[in-house]
Amino acid sequence: MDQAGASVQEKVVKDNLVSLTGLSPQFNSDLHYDNQEINLNVALRTDPVEQVTYVYAASPVIFTEY
């Protein structure tokens, strides 16, 4: 998010998942959600069995299950 110059609008932390949603000047498109403008979504999910971390990023939001 920092590298994209994004301000974080929402942060969700649950068990093995972190999801950040924000607004970045780097992207032209945006989406209005919960009275906020957003255009960047980054999520990290760890898999303790595989011992890996999956990174998902999309603009404006991630539309797949992670």
N, C-alpha and C. Protein backbone atom coordinates (compact mmCIF):
# COMPACT_ATOMS: atom_id res chain seq x y z
N MET A 1 0.84 -1.18 0.00
CA MET A 1 0.00 0.00 0.00
C MET A 1 0.89 1.25 0.00
N ASP A 2 1.95 1.23 0.79
CA ASP A 2 2.85 2.38 0.83
C ASP A 2 3.46 2.65 -0.54
N GLN A 3 3.92 1.61 -1.21
CA GLN A 3 4.56 1.79 -2.51
C GLN A 3 3.60 2.34 -3.56
N ALA A 4 2.32 2.09 -3.40
CA ALA A 4 1.32 2.61 -4.32
C ALA A 4 0.83 3.99 -3.89
N GLY A 5 1.34 4.49 -2.77
CA GLY A 5 0.90 5.78 -2.26
C GLY A 5 -0.53 5.76 -1.77
N ALA A 6 -1.00 4.59 -1.36
CA ALA A 6 -2.40 4.42 -0.97
C ALA A 6 -2.63 4.76 0.50
N SER A 7 -3.75 5.40 0.75
CA SER A 7 -4.21 5.59 2.13
C SER A 7 -5.14 4.42 2.45
N VAL A 8 -4.90 3.77 3.57
CA VAL A 8 -5.70 2.61 3.95
C VAL A 8 -7.05 3.08 4.47
N GLN A 9 -8.12 2.60 3.84
CA GLN A 9 -9.48 2.95 4.25
C GLN A 9 -10.08 1.90 5.18
N GLU A 10 -9.65 0.64 4.99
CA GLU A 10 -10.20 -0.44 5.81
C GLU A 10 -9.13 -1.53 5.98
N LYS A 11 -9.08 -2.08 7.19
CA LYS A 11 -8.14 -3.16 7.49
C LYS A 11 -8.90 -4.26 8.21
N VAL A 12 -8.77 -5.49 7.70
CA VAL A 12 -9.42 -6.65 8.31
C VAL A 12 -8.35 -7.67 8.65
N VAL A 13 -8.35 -8.12 9.90
CA VAL A 13 -7.41 -9.14 10.35
C VAL A 13 -8.22 -10.27 10.97
N LYS A 14 -8.11 -11.46 10.39
CA LYS A 14 -8.82 -12.63 10.90
C LYS A 14 -7.91 -13.84 10.78
N ASP A 15 -7.65 -14.49 11.88
CA ASP A 15 -6.85 -15.71 11.90
C ASP A 15 -5.62 -15.61 11.00
N ASN A 16 -5.65 -16.24 9.84
CA ASN A 16 -4.49 -16.28 8.95
C ASN A 16 -4.65 -15.34 7.75
N LEU A 17 -5.48 -14.30 7.88
CA LEU A 17 -5.77 -13.40 6.77
C LEU A 17 -5.65 -11.94 7.18
N VAL A 18 -5.02 -11.14 6.32
CA VAL A 18 -4.99 -9.69 6.47
C VAL A 18 -5.44 -9.10 5.14
N SER A 19 -6.41 -8.21 5.17
CA SER A 19 -6.90 -7.57 3.96
C SER A 19 -6.90 -6.06 4.17
N LEU A 20 -6.28 -5.34 3.23
CA LEU A 20 -6.21 -3.89 3.27
C LEU A 20 -6.90 -3.33 2.03
N THR A 21 -7.74 -2.34 2.22
CA THR A 21 -8.42 -1.68 1.12
C THR A 21 -8.13 -0.20 1.22
N GLY A 22 -7.78 0.41 0.09
CA GLY A 22 -7.42 1.81 0.15
C GLY A 22 -7.63 2.55 -1.15
N LEU A 23 -7.14 3.79 -1.16
CA LEU A 23 -7.26 4.67 -2.31
C LEU A 23 -5.86 5.12 -2.70
N SER A 24 -5.49 4.87 -3.96
CA SER A 24 -4.17 5.21 -4.47
C SER A 24 -4.29 6.15 -5.66
N PRO A 25 -3.44 7.18 -5.73
CA PRO A 25 -3.44 8.06 -6.90
C PRO A 25 -2.87 7.37 -8.15
N GLN A 26 -2.28 6.19 -7.98
CA GLN A 26 -1.67 5.45 -9.09
C GLN A 26 -2.71 4.83 -10.03
N PHE A 27 -3.95 4.68 -9.56
CA PHE A 27 -4.99 4.01 -10.34
C PHE A 27 -6.11 4.99 -10.67
N ASN A 28 -6.61 4.92 -11.90
CA ASN A 28 -7.66 5.84 -12.35
C ASN A 28 -9.05 5.42 -11.89
N SER A 29 -9.33 4.13 -11.91
CA SER A 29 -10.67 3.67 -11.56
C SER A 29 -10.85 3.67 -10.05
N ASP A 30 -12.07 3.84 -9.63
CA ASP A 30 -12.37 3.73 -8.21
C ASP A 30 -13.77 3.18 -8.03
N LEU A 31 -14.06 2.83 -6.81
CA LEU A 31 -15.33 2.22 -6.44
C LEU A 31 -15.79 2.90 -5.16
N HIS A 32 -17.06 3.21 -5.08
CA HIS A 32 -17.61 3.81 -3.86
C HIS A 32 -18.19 2.69 -3.01
N TYR A 33 -17.66 2.57 -1.80
CA TYR A 33 -18.07 1.49 -0.89
C TYR A 33 -18.12 2.04 0.53
N ASP A 34 -19.25 1.89 1.18
CA ASP A 34 -19.41 2.32 2.58
C ASP A 34 -18.99 3.78 2.76
N ASN A 35 -19.47 4.64 1.87
CA ASN A 35 -19.18 6.08 1.89
C ASN A 35 -17.69 6.41 1.73
N GLN A 36 -16.94 5.52 1.09
CA GLN A 36 -15.51 5.75 0.85
C GLN A 36 -15.18 5.42 -0.60
N GLU A 37 -14.16 6.10 -1.12
CA GLU A 37 -13.64 5.77 -2.44
C GLU A 37 -12.49 4.80 -2.24
N ILE A 38 -12.50 3.71 -2.99
CA ILE A 38 -11.41 2.74 -2.91
C ILE A 38 -11.01 2.33 -4.33
N ASN A 39 -9.74 1.97 -4.49
CA ASN A 39 -9.30 1.48 -5.79
C ASN A 39 -8.13 0.50 -5.69
N LEU A 40 -7.84 0.05 -4.50
CA LEU A 40 -6.77 -0.92 -4.33
C LEU A 40 -7.10 -1.85 -3.17
N ASN A 41 -6.95 -3.13 -3.40
CA ASN A 41 -7.20 -4.14 -2.37
C ASN A 41 -6.02 -5.11 -2.37
N VAL A 42 -5.41 -5.28 -1.21
CA VAL A 42 -4.28 -6.20 -1.05
C VAL A 42 -4.62 -7.14 0.10
N ALA A 43 -4.43 -8.44 -0.12
CA ALA A 43 -4.72 -9.43 0.92
C ALA A 43 -3.55 -10.40 1.03
N LEU A 44 -3.28 -10.82 2.25
CA LEU A 44 -2.26 -11.83 2.52
C LEU A 44 -2.90 -12.93 3.34
N ARG A 45 -2.68 -14.15 2.90
CA ARG A 45 -3.23 -15.31 3.61
C ARG A 45 -2.12 -16.33 3.79
N THR A 46 -1.95 -16.77 5.03
CA THR A 46 -0.94 -17.79 5.30
C THR A 46 -1.59 -19.16 5.34
N ASP A 47 -0.83 -20.14 4.89
CA ASP A 47 -1.26 -21.53 4.95
C ASP A 47 -0.25 -22.26 5.82
N PRO A 48 -0.61 -22.54 7.07
CA PRO A 48 0.34 -23.16 7.99
C PRO A 48 0.76 -24.57 7.59
N VAL A 49 -0.09 -25.28 6.88
CA VAL A 49 0.25 -26.63 6.44
C VAL A 49 1.32 -26.58 5.35
N GLU A 50 1.09 -25.72 4.35
CA GLU A 50 2.06 -25.58 3.26
C GLU A 50 3.23 -24.68 3.63
N GLN A 51 3.09 -23.94 4.73
CA GLN A 51 4.09 -22.98 5.20
C GLN A 51 4.42 -21.93 4.12
N VAL A 52 3.37 -21.36 3.55
CA VAL A 52 3.51 -20.32 2.54
C VAL A 52 2.55 -19.18 2.85
N THR A 53 2.84 -18.02 2.28
CA THR A 53 1.95 -16.88 2.36
C THR A 53 1.55 -16.50 0.94
N TYR A 54 0.26 -16.43 0.70
CA TYR A 54 -0.27 -16.03 -0.60
C TYR A 54 -0.57 -14.54 -0.56
N VAL A 55 -0.18 -13.83 -1.61
CA VAL A 55 -0.42 -12.40 -1.72
C VAL A 55 -1.35 -12.16 -2.90
N TYR A 56 -2.42 -11.43 -2.65
CA TYR A 56 -3.40 -11.10 -3.68
C TYR A 56 -3.48 -9.58 -3.77
N ALA A 57 -3.53 -9.04 -4.97
CA ALA A 57 -3.68 -7.60 -5.16
C ALA A 57 -4.54 -7.35 -6.39
N ALA A 58 -5.40 -6.35 -6.29
CA ALA A 58 -6.28 -6.03 -7.42
C ALA A 58 -6.75 -4.59 -7.32
N SER A 59 -7.18 -4.07 -8.45
CA SER A 59 -7.76 -2.73 -8.49
C SER A 59 -9.05 -2.81 -9.32
N PRO A 60 -10.19 -2.39 -8.81
CA PRO A 60 -10.37 -1.72 -7.53
C PRO A 60 -10.44 -2.67 -6.33
N VAL A 61 -10.97 -3.88 -6.51
CA VAL A 61 -11.03 -4.83 -5.39
C VAL A 61 -10.78 -6.24 -5.89
N ILE A 62 -10.47 -7.14 -4.97
CA ILE A 62 -10.28 -8.55 -5.30
C ILE A 62 -11.67 -9.18 -5.44
N PHE A 63 -11.94 -9.75 -6.59
CA PHE A 63 -13.26 -10.33 -6.85
C PHE A 63 -13.27 -11.85 -6.75
N THR A 64 -12.23 -12.45 -6.23
CA THR A 64 -12.17 -13.89 -6.09
C THR A 64 -11.99 -14.24 -4.62
N GLU A 65 -12.34 -15.43 -4.26
CA GLU A 65 -12.18 -15.86 -2.88
C GLU A 65 -10.70 -16.06 -2.56
N TYR A 66 -10.29 -15.54 -1.43
CA TYR A 66 -8.90 -15.72 -1.02
C TYR A 66 -8.86 -16.24 0.39
